[in-house]
Amino acid sequence: MGRSPNTPPRILVIDDNQDVLDLLRDELTAEGYEVETAADGLAGLRALKRSKPDLVIIDIMMPHVSGPAVMTLIGEKEHYRELRDVPMIIISAQSNIEYVREEGLPLGESDYLTKPIDFDRLHQLIRQKLARPHAGTPSQSDAAQTAGV
């Protein structure tokens, strides 16, 4: 998102479980990414707006503002317009992807990881999402449309 080619990609991790935040921060930092964390959806929205990350890893079930609610807000609110093309990887303890779709998120298997996290798969998804152009990828604006927003 307008960053120098020499700057490591910036990843924002949004999850209400501090152990998961610490684990992902350590793992991704060791891989050379710049990592910021947020402990709930509201803090995640603030961090998204402030830091404009290259990729977001977000939990579904969180207090205050859930992952699907964050994605819907980004898709429908003009205030978040510049964030609509930021690619996202959804993580959840919920292993049933149909549950995730019922939450209004049009996800393929590649956009969704269950906990405990398979780090090989996570790194593969990160590389894929950072390599493709953001426009036209499944995004939070698509999620808002599917949710009937």
Foldseek 3Di string as FASTA:
>chain_A
DPDDPPAAFEEEEEAQDVVVVVVVCVVVVVVPHHYDYHNHLVSVLVCCLVPVGQEYEAEADGPPAGPLNSLLCCQPPPSNVVNFLRYYAYEYQDPDVVVVVVSQAPDDPLRYAYPVGDVVSVVVSVVVSSPDGSPPDRTSNNSNVSVVD
